Amino acid sequence: MKFIKNLSNSEAKYKYFSLSIEAREEFPETNKLFDLKFKNKTFKIWINKKKCFMISKLYDDYEFQEGDEVKVIKDKKGNFELTVKK
């Protein structure tokens, strides 16, 4: 599974990004913590009840900006990794 999105101004400002319905099915249930690898670190992340991917914990390592392309990949073992491209 691969999910790619360019962040809107409000998503970057409020530290989240919304998921498509199709992508949402690939993630753990709402409010359940799961591991996400980002910049060689592992973070505990969750999807909120509005189907948004909460990225506030990642801001110490990267300050997300409007237009940044975020990509979340789920490998065959069920591990998640996020990358970002300006």
PDB file of N, CA and C in Angstrom:
ATOM      1  N   MET A   1       0.853  -1.180   0.000  1.00  0.00           N
ATOM      2  CA  MET A   1       0.000   0.000   0.000  1.00  0.00           C
ATOM      3  C   MET A   1       0.892   1.233   0.000  1.00  0.00           C
ATOM      4  N   LYS A   2       0.492   2.196  -0.812  1.00  0.00           N
ATOM      5  CA  LYS A   2       1.194   3.472  -0.871  1.00  0.00           C
ATOM      6  C   LYS A   2       0.152   4.578  -0.923  1.00  0.00           C
ATOM      7  N   PHE A   3       0.295   5.563  -0.035  1.00  0.00           N
ATOM      8  CA  PHE A   3      -0.600   6.715   0.002  1.00  0.00           C
ATOM      9  C   PHE A   3       0.254   7.961  -0.183  1.00  0.00           C
ATOM     10  N   ILE A   4      -0.104   8.810  -1.161  1.00  0.00           N
ATOM     11  CA  ILE A   4       0.653  10.034  -1.451  1.00  0.00           C
ATOM     12  C   ILE A   4      -0.308  11.206  -1.446  1.00  0.00           C
ATOM     13  N   LYS A   5       0.137  12.303  -0.832  1.00  0.00           N
ATOM     14  CA  LYS A   5      -0.707  13.497  -0.750  1.00  0.00           C
ATOM     15  C   LYS A   5       0.172  14.739  -0.609  1.00  0.00           C
ATOM     16  N   ASN A   6      -0.272  15.842  -1.214  1.00  0.00           N
ATOM     17  CA  ASN A   6       0.354  17.146  -0.985  1.00  0.00           C
ATOM     18  C   ASN A   6      -0.435  17.843   0.112  1.00  0.00           C
ATOM     19  N   LEU A   7       0.275  18.346   1.115  1.00  0.00           N
ATOM     20  CA  LEU A   7      -0.387  18.972   2.253  1.00  0.00           C
ATOM     21  C   LEU A   7      -0.990  20.322   1.892  1.00  0.00           C
ATOM     22  N   SER A   8      -2.183  20.548   2.395  1.00  0.00           N
ATOM     23  CA  SER A   8      -2.808  21.869   2.259  1.00  0.00           C
ATOM     24  C   SER A   8      -2.249  22.777   3.353  1.00  0.00           C
ATOM     25  N   ASN A   9      -2.555  24.052   3.263  1.00  0.00           N
ATOM     26  CA  ASN A   9      -2.111  25.005   4.273  1.00  0.00           C
ATOM     27  C   ASN A   9      -2.630  24.620   5.657  1.00  0.00           C
ATOM     28  N   SER A  10      -3.916  24.293   5.769  1.00  0.00           N
ATOM     29  CA  SER A  10      -4.487  23.956   7.078  1.00  0.00           C
ATOM     30  C   SER A  10      -3.915  22.645   7.619  1.00  0.00           C
ATOM     31  N   GLU A  11      -3.639  21.674   6.748  1.00  0.00           N
ATOM     32  CA  GLU A  11      -3.057  20.413   7.210  1.00  0.00           C
ATOM     33  C   GLU A  11      -1.671  20.651   7.800  1.00  0.00           C
ATOM     34  N   ALA A  12      -0.854  21.447   7.131  1.00  0.00           N
ATOM     35  CA  ALA A  12       0.480  21.749   7.656  1.00  0.00           C
ATOM     36  C   ALA A  12       0.390  22.557   8.951  1.00  0.00           C
ATOM     37  N   LYS A  13      -0.496  23.503   8.991  1.00  0.00           N
ATOM     38  CA  LYS A  13      -0.640  24.370  10.170  1.00  0.00           C
ATOM     39  C   LYS A  13      -1.167  23.611  11.386  1.00  0.00           C
ATOM     40  N   TYR A  14      -2.152  22.736  11.185  1.00  0.00           N
ATOM     41  CA  TYR A  14      -2.791  22.040  12.304  1.00  0.00           C
ATOM     42  C   TYR A  14      -2.274  20.612  12.520  1.00  0.00           C
ATOM     43  N   LYS A  15      -1.222  20.242  11.797  1.00  0.00           N
ATOM     44  CA  LYS A  15      -0.448  19.024  12.050  1.00  0.00           C
ATOM     45  C   LYS A  15      -1.238  17.723  11.866  1.00  0.00           C
ATOM     46  N   TYR A  16      -1.841  17.594  10.697  1.00  0.00           N
ATOM     47  CA  TYR A  16      -2.581  16.383  10.351  1.00  0.00           C
ATOM     48  C   TYR A  16      -2.654  16.301   8.832  1.00  0.00           C
ATOM     49  N   PHE A  17      -3.060  15.170   8.317  1.00  0.00           N
ATOM     50  CA  PHE A  17      -3.530  15.122   6.936  1.00  0.00           C
ATOM     51  C   PHE A  17      -4.635  14.091   6.835  1.00  0.00           C
ATOM     52  N   SER A  18      -5.605  14.414   6.010  1.00  0.00           N
ATOM     53  CA  SER A  18      -6.764  13.538   5.865  1.00  0.00           C
ATOM     54  C   SER A  18      -6.432  12.401   4.901  1.00  0.00           C
ATOM     55  N   LEU A  19      -7.085  11.279   5.135  1.00  0.00           N
ATOM     56  CA  LEU A  19      -6.881  10.095   4.316  1.00  0.00           C
ATOM     57  C   LEU A  19      -8.074   9.870   3.405  1.00  0.00           C
ATOM     58  N   SER A  20      -7.808   9.333   2.237  1.00  0.00           N
ATOM     59  CA  SER A  20      -8.903   8.935   1.359  1.00  0.00           C
ATOM     60  C   SER A  20      -9.579   7.703   1.959  1.00  0.00           C
ATOM     61  N   ILE A  21     -10.798   7.439   1.552  1.00  0.00           N
ATOM     62  CA  ILE A  21     -11.535   6.281   2.050  1.00  0.00           C
ATOM     63  C   ILE A  21     -10.772   4.990   1.742  1.00  0.00           C
ATOM     64  N   GLU A  22     -10.232   4.895   0.542  1.00  0.00           N
ATOM     65  CA  GLU A  22      -9.498   3.699   0.150  1.00  0.00           C
ATOM     66  C   GLU A  22      -8.265   3.495   1.024  1.00  0.00           C
ATOM     67  N   ALA A  23      -7.524   4.564   1.271  1.00  0.00           N
ATOM     68  CA  ALA A  23      -6.306   4.461   2.088  1.00  0.00           C
ATOM     69  C   ALA A  23      -6.634   4.165   3.534  1.00  0.00           C
ATOM     70  N   ARG A  24      -7.725   4.720   4.034  1.00  0.00           N
ATOM     71  CA  ARG A  24      -8.092   4.548   5.438  1.00  0.00           C
ATOM     72  C   ARG A  24      -8.228   3.074   5.818  1.00  0.00           C
ATOM     73  N   GLU A  25      -8.682   2.270   4.893  1.00  0.00           N
ATOM     74  CA  GLU A  25      -8.861   0.847   5.150  1.00  0.00           C
ATOM     75  C   GLU A  25      -7.545   0.113   5.400  1.00  0.00           C
ATOM     76  N   GLU A  26      -6.438   0.698   4.985  1.00  0.00           N
ATOM     77  CA  GLU A  26      -5.128   0.065   5.142  1.00  0.00           C
ATOM     78  C   GLU A  26      -4.481   0.347   6.500  1.00  0.00           C
ATOM     79  N   PHE A  27      -5.040   1.266   7.273  1.00  0.00           N
ATOM     80  CA  PHE A  27      -4.457   1.671   8.550  1.00  0.00           C
ATOM     81  C   PHE A  27      -5.189   1.016   9.712  1.00  0.00           C
ATOM     82  N   PRO A  28      -4.531   0.969  10.886  1.00  0.00           N
ATOM     83  CA  PRO A  28      -5.206   0.426  12.074  1.00  0.00           C
ATOM     84  C   PRO A  28      -6.466   1.217  12.405  1.00  0.00           C
ATOM     85  N   GLU A  29      -7.296   0.644  13.260  1.00  0.00           N
ATOM     86  CA  GLU A  29      -8.560   1.275  13.624  1.00  0.00           C
ATOM     87  C   GLU A  29      -8.348   2.636  14.286  1.00  0.00           C
ATOM     88  N   THR A  30      -9.385   3.432  14.308  1.00  0.00           N
ATOM     89  CA  THR A  30      -9.368   4.779  14.872  1.00  0.00           C
ATOM     90  C   THR A  30      -8.832   4.785  16.301  1.00  0.00           C
ATOM     91  N   ASN A  31      -7.967   5.756  16.577  1.00  0.00           N
ATOM     92  CA  ASN A  31      -7.373   6.012  17.897  1.00  0.00           C
ATOM     93  C   ASN A  31      -6.495   4.885  18.433  1.00  0.00           C
ATOM     94  N   LYS A  32      -6.139   3.933  17.606  1.00  0.00           N
ATOM     95  CA  LYS A  32      -5.218   2.873  18.019  1.00  0.00           C
ATOM     96  C   LYS A  32      -3.805   3.274  17.602  1.00  0.00           C
ATOM     97  N   LEU A  33      -2.886   3.298  18.563  1.00  0.00           N
ATOM     98  CA  LEU A  33      -1.499   3.655  18.265  1.00  0.00           C
ATOM     99  C   LEU A  33      -0.847   2.585  17.398  1.00  0.00           C
ATOM    100  N   PHE A  34      -0.025   3.041  16.471  1.00  0.00           N
ATOM    101  CA  PHE A  34       0.763   2.124  15.660  1.00  0.00           C
ATOM    102  C   PHE A  34       2.116   2.761  15.389  1.00  0.00           C
ATOM    103  N   ASP A  35       3.085   1.941  15.032  1.00  0.00           N
ATOM    104  CA  ASP A  35       4.445   2.420  14.781  1.00  0.00           C
ATOM    105  C   ASP A  35       4.561   2.978  13.368  1.00  0.00           C
ATOM    106  N   LEU A  36       5.267   4.096  13.287  1.00  0.00           N
ATOM    107  CA  LEU A  36       5.537   4.741  12.007  1.00  0.00           C
ATOM    108  C   LEU A  36       7.005   5.129  11.981  1.00  0.00           C
ATOM    109  N   LYS A  37       7.714   4.685  10.966  1.00  0.00           N
ATOM    110  CA  LYS A  37       9.120   5.059  10.808  1.00  0.00           C
ATOM    111  C   LYS A  37       9.179   6.367  10.025  1.00  0.00           C
ATOM    112  N   PHE A  38       9.958   7.318  10.542  1.00  0.00           N
ATOM    113  CA  PHE A  38      10.137   8.614   9.888  1.00  0.00           C
ATOM    114  C   PHE A  38      11.509   9.142  10.246  1.00  0.00           C
ATOM    115  N   LYS A  39      12.317   9.406   9.237  1.00  0.00           N
ATOM    116  CA  LYS A  39      13.678   9.936   9.427  1.00  0.00           C
ATOM    117  C   LYS A  39      14.477   9.058  10.397  1.00  0.00           C
ATOM    118  N   ASN A  40      14.440   7.753  10.158  1.00  0.00           N
ATOM    119  CA  ASN A  40      15.194   6.752  10.931  1.00  0.00           C
ATOM    120  C   ASN A  40      14.807   6.677  12.405  1.00  0.00           C
ATOM    121  N   LYS A  41      13.626   7.150  12.744  1.00  0.00           N
ATOM    122  CA  LYS A  41      13.093   7.025  14.097  1.00  0.00           C
ATOM    123  C   LYS A  41      11.732   6.357  13.999  1.00  0.00           C
ATOM    124  N   THR A  42      11.297   5.759  15.098  1.00  0.00           N
ATOM    125  CA  THR A  42       9.973   5.155  15.143  1.00  0.00           C
ATOM    126  C   THR A  42       9.095   5.947  16.100  1.00  0.00           C
ATOM    127  N   PHE A  43       7.927   6.321  15.619  1.00  0.00           N
ATOM    128  CA  PHE A  43       6.977   7.122  16.382  1.00  0.00           C
ATOM    129  C   PHE A  43       5.690   6.334  16.584  1.00  0.00           C
ATOM    130  N   LYS A  44       5.000   6.607  17.669  1.00  0.00           N
ATOM    131  CA  LYS A  44       3.666   6.060  17.916  1.00  0.00           C
ATOM    132  C   LYS A  44       2.675   7.084  17.366  1.00  0.00           C
ATOM    133  N   ILE A  45       1.903   6.698  16.378  1.00  0.00           N
ATOM    134  CA  ILE A  45       0.983   7.584  15.668  1.00  0.00           C
ATOM    135  C   ILE A  45      -0.418   6.979  15.723  1.00  0.00           C
ATOM    136  N   TRP A  46      -1.431   7.791  15.451  1.00  0.00           N
ATOM    137  CA  TRP A  46      -2.806   7.299  15.419  1.00  0.00           C
ATOM    138  C   TRP A  46      -3.599   8.015  14.335  1.00  0.00           C
ATOM    139  N   ILE A  47      -4.731   7.418  13.998  1.00  0.00           N
ATOM    140  CA  ILE A  47      -5.703   8.013  13.083  1.00  0.00           C
ATOM    141  C   ILE A  47      -6.871   8.458  13.957  1.00  0.00           C
ATOM    142  N   ASN A  48      -7.282   9.722  13.857  1.00  0.00           N
ATOM    143  CA  ASN A  48      -8.372  10.185  14.721  1.00  0.00           C
ATOM    144  C   ASN A  48      -9.738   9.813  14.142  1.00  0.00           C
ATOM    145  N   LYS A  49     -10.796  10.146  14.874  1.00  0.00           N
ATOM    146  CA  LYS A  49     -12.153   9.750  14.458  1.00  0.00           C
ATOM    147  C   LYS A  49     -12.613  10.432  13.179  1.00  0.00           C
ATOM    148  N   LYS A  50     -11.924  11.507  12.767  1.00  0.00           N
ATOM    149  CA  LYS A  50     -12.265  12.186  11.510  1.00  0.00           C
ATOM    150  C   LYS A  50     -11.467  11.626  10.338  1.00  0.00           C
ATOM    151  N   LYS A  51     -10.811  10.492  10.569  1.00  0.00           N
ATOM    152  CA  LYS A  51     -10.011   9.808   9.540  1.00  0.00           C
ATOM    153  C   LYS A  51      -8.802  10.639   9.112  1.00  0.00           C
ATOM    154  N   CYS A  52      -8.200  11.304  10.089  1.00  0.00           N
ATOM    155  CA  CYS A  52      -7.012  12.115   9.836  1.00  0.00           C
ATOM    156  C   CYS A  52      -5.793  11.478  10.493  1.00  0.00           C
ATOM    157  N   PHE A  53      -4.704  11.561   9.799  1.00  0.00           N
ATOM    158  CA  PHE A  53      -3.418  11.035  10.227  1.00  0.00           C
ATOM    159  C   PHE A  53      -2.727  12.138  11.017  1.00  0.00           C
ATOM    160  N   MET A  54      -2.524  11.933  12.301  1.00  0.00           N
ATOM    161  CA  MET A  54      -1.995  12.977  13.175  1.00  0.00           C
ATOM    162  C   MET A  54      -0.460  12.985  13.138  1.00  0.00           C
ATOM    163  N   ILE A  55       0.144  14.102  12.724  1.00  0.00           N
ATOM    164  CA  ILE A  55       1.600  14.178  12.557  1.00  0.00           C
ATOM    165  C   ILE A  55       2.274  15.129  13.539  1.00  0.00           C
ATOM    166  N   SER A  56       1.568  15.552  14.572  1.00  0.00           N
ATOM    167  CA  SER A  56       2.127  16.524  15.515  1.00  0.00           C
ATOM    168  C   SER A  56       3.412  16.014  16.173  1.00  0.00           C
ATOM    169  N   LYS A  57       3.522  14.737  16.446  1.00  0.00           N
ATOM    170  CA  LYS A  57       4.717  14.179  17.080  1.00  0.00           C
ATOM    171  C   LYS A  57       5.956  14.259  16.187  1.00  0.00           C
ATOM    172  N   LEU A  58       5.754  14.439  14.898  1.00  0.00           N
ATOM    173  CA  LEU A  58       6.873  14.445  13.957  1.00  0.00           C
ATOM    174  C   LEU A  58       7.502  15.821  13.786  1.00  0.00           C
ATOM    175  N   TYR A  59       6.861  16.871  14.305  1.00  0.00           N
ATOM    176  CA  TYR A  59       7.318  18.234  14.061  1.00  0.00           C
ATOM    177  C   TYR A  59       8.668  18.559  14.687  1.00  0.00           C
ATOM    178  N   ASP A  60       9.109  17.796  15.681  1.00  0.00           N
ATOM    179  CA  ASP A  60      10.447  18.020  16.225  1.00  0.00           C
ATOM    180  C   ASP A  60      11.518  17.645  15.210  1.00  0.00           C
ATOM    181  N   ASP A  61      11.191  16.732  14.300  1.00  0.00           N
ATOM    182  CA  ASP A  61      12.137  16.269  13.303  1.00  0.00           C
ATOM    183  C   ASP A  61      11.969  16.934  11.936  1.00  0.00           C
ATOM    184  N   TYR A  62      10.774  17.470  11.685  1.00  0.00           N
ATOM    185  CA  TYR A  62      10.530  18.131  10.401  1.00  0.00           C
ATOM    186  C   TYR A  62       9.316  19.044  10.537  1.00  0.00           C
ATOM    187  N   GLU A  63       9.455  20.288  10.116  1.00  0.00           N
ATOM    188  CA  GLU A  63       8.326  21.216  10.145  1.00  0.00           C
ATOM    189  C   GLU A  63       7.619  21.175   8.793  1.00  0.00           C
ATOM    190  N   PHE A  64       6.510  20.505   8.747  1.00  0.00           N
ATOM    191  CA  PHE A  64       5.753  20.324   7.513  1.00  0.00           C
ATOM    192  C   PHE A  64       5.233  21.664   6.999  1.00  0.00           C
ATOM    193  N   GLN A  65       5.213  21.797   5.670  1.00  0.00           N
ATOM    194  CA  GLN A  65       4.786  23.026   5.015  1.00  0.00           C
ATOM    195  C   GLN A  65       3.728  22.717   3.956  1.00  0.00           C
ATOM    196  N   GLU A  66       2.942  23.720   3.647  1.00  0.00           N
ATOM    197  CA  GLU A  66       1.966  23.585   2.568  1.00  0.00           C
ATOM    198  C   GLU A  66       2.682  23.147   1.293  1.00  0.00           C
ATOM    199  N   GLY A  67       2.105  22.188   0.605  1.00  0.00           N
ATOM    200  CA  GLY A  67       2.675  21.697  -0.651  1.00  0.00           C
ATOM    201  C   GLY A  67       3.642  20.539  -0.491  1.00  0.00           C
ATOM    202  N   ASP A  68       4.104  20.268   0.726  1.00  0.00           N
ATOM    203  CA  ASP A  68       4.969  19.108   0.932  1.00  0.00           C
ATOM    204  C   ASP A  68       4.235  17.848   0.491  1.00  0.00           C
ATOM    205  N   GLU A  69       4.956  16.986  -0.196  1.00  0.00           N
ATOM    206  CA  GLU A  69       4.380  15.708  -0.593  1.00  0.00           C
ATOM    207  C   GLU A  69       4.710  14.680   0.475  1.00  0.00           C
ATOM    208  N   VAL A  70       3.683  14.135   1.109  1.00  0.00           N
ATOM    209  CA  VAL A  70       3.888  13.082   2.094  1.00  0.00           C
ATOM    210  C   VAL A  70       3.514  11.752   1.450  1.00  0.00           C
ATOM    211  N   LYS A  71       4.323  10.748   1.756  1.00  0.00           N
ATOM    212  CA  LYS A  71       4.068   9.411   1.227  1.00  0.00           C
ATOM    213  C   LYS A  71       4.160   8.431   2.390  1.00  0.00           C
ATOM    214  N   VAL A  72       3.114   7.648   2.568  1.00  0.00           N
ATOM    215  CA  VAL A  72       3.098   6.600   3.586  1.00  0.00           C
ATOM    216  C   VAL A  72       3.066   5.270   2.859  1.00  0.00           C
ATOM    217  N   ILE A  73       4.013   4.424   3.212  1.00  0.00           N
ATOM    218  CA  ILE A  73       4.102   3.100   2.602  1.00  0.00           C
ATOM    219  C   ILE A  73       3.911   2.052   3.693  1.00  0.00           C
ATOM    220  N   LYS A  74       3.101   1.070   3.394  1.00  0.00           N
ATOM    221  CA  LYS A  74       2.913  -0.084   4.279  1.00  0.00           C
ATOM    222  C   LYS A  74       3.529  -1.280   3.574  1.00  0.00           C
ATOM    223  N   ASP A  75       4.528  -1.881   4.211  1.00  0.00           N
ATOM    224  CA  ASP A  75       5.181  -3.019   3.566  1.00  0.00           C
ATOM    225  C   ASP A  75       4.405  -4.315   3.809  1.00  0.00           C
ATOM    226  N   LYS A  76       4.908  -5.405   3.279  1.00  0.00           N
ATOM    227  CA  LYS A  76       4.223  -6.691   3.370  1.00  0.00           C
ATOM    228  C   LYS A  76       4.112  -7.209   4.802  1.00  0.00           C
ATOM    229  N   LYS A  77       4.997  -6.733   5.684  1.00  0.00           N
ATOM    230  CA  LYS A  77       4.963  -7.140   7.090  1.00  0.00           C
ATOM    231  C   LYS A  77       4.013  -6.283   7.916  1.00  0.00           C
ATOM    232  N   GLY A  78       3.429  -5.249   7.285  1.00  0.00           N
ATOM    233  CA  GLY A  78       2.499  -4.374   7.992  1.00  0.00           C
ATOM    234  C   GLY A  78       3.153  -3.177   8.654  1.00  0.00           C
ATOM    235  N   ASN A  79       4.428  -2.913   8.341  1.00  0.00           N
ATOM    236  CA  ASN A  79       5.138  -1.762   8.893  1.00  0.00           C
ATOM    237  C   ASN A  79       4.868  -0.523   8.052  1.00  0.00           C
ATOM    238  N   PHE A  80       4.739   0.625   8.717  1.00  0.00           N
ATOM    239  CA  PHE A  80       4.459   1.892   8.042  1.00  0.00           C
ATOM    240  C   PHE A  80       5.701   2.776   8.051  1.00  0.00           C
ATOM    241  N   GLU A  81       5.917   3.470   6.935  1.00  0.00           N
ATOM    242  CA  GLU A  81       7.012   4.441   6.853  1.00  0.00           C
ATOM    243  C   GLU A  81       6.515   5.681   6.116  1.00  0.00           C
ATOM    244  N   LEU A  82       6.871   6.850   6.648  1.00  0.00           N
ATOM    245  CA  LEU A  82       6.484   8.112   6.037  1.00  0.00           C
ATOM    246  C   LEU A  82       7.727   8.805   5.502  1.00  0.00           C
ATOM    247  N   THR A  83       7.628   9.303   4.283  1.00  0.00           N
ATOM    248  CA  THR A  83       8.658  10.153   3.720  1.00  0.00           C
ATOM    249  C   THR A  83       8.010  11.450   3.272  1.00  0.00           C
ATOM    250  N   VAL A  84       8.823  12.499   3.188  1.00  0.00           N
ATOM    251  CA  VAL A  84       8.298  13.797   2.780  1.00  0.00           C
ATOM    252  C   VAL A  84       9.248  14.399   1.758  1.00  0.00           C
ATOM    253  N   LYS A  85       8.664  15.053   0.757  1.00  0.00           N
ATOM    254  CA  LYS A  85       9.431  15.707  -0.301  1.00  0.00           C
ATOM    255  C   LYS A  85       8.877  17.103  -0.473  1.00  0.00           C
ATOM    256  N   LYS A  86       9.742  18.082  -0.511  1.00  0.00           N
ATOM    257  CA  LYS A  86       9.333  19.481  -0.721  1.00  0.00           C
ATOM    258  C   LYS A  86       8.889  19.698  -2.132  1.00  0.00           C
TER     259      LYS A  86
END
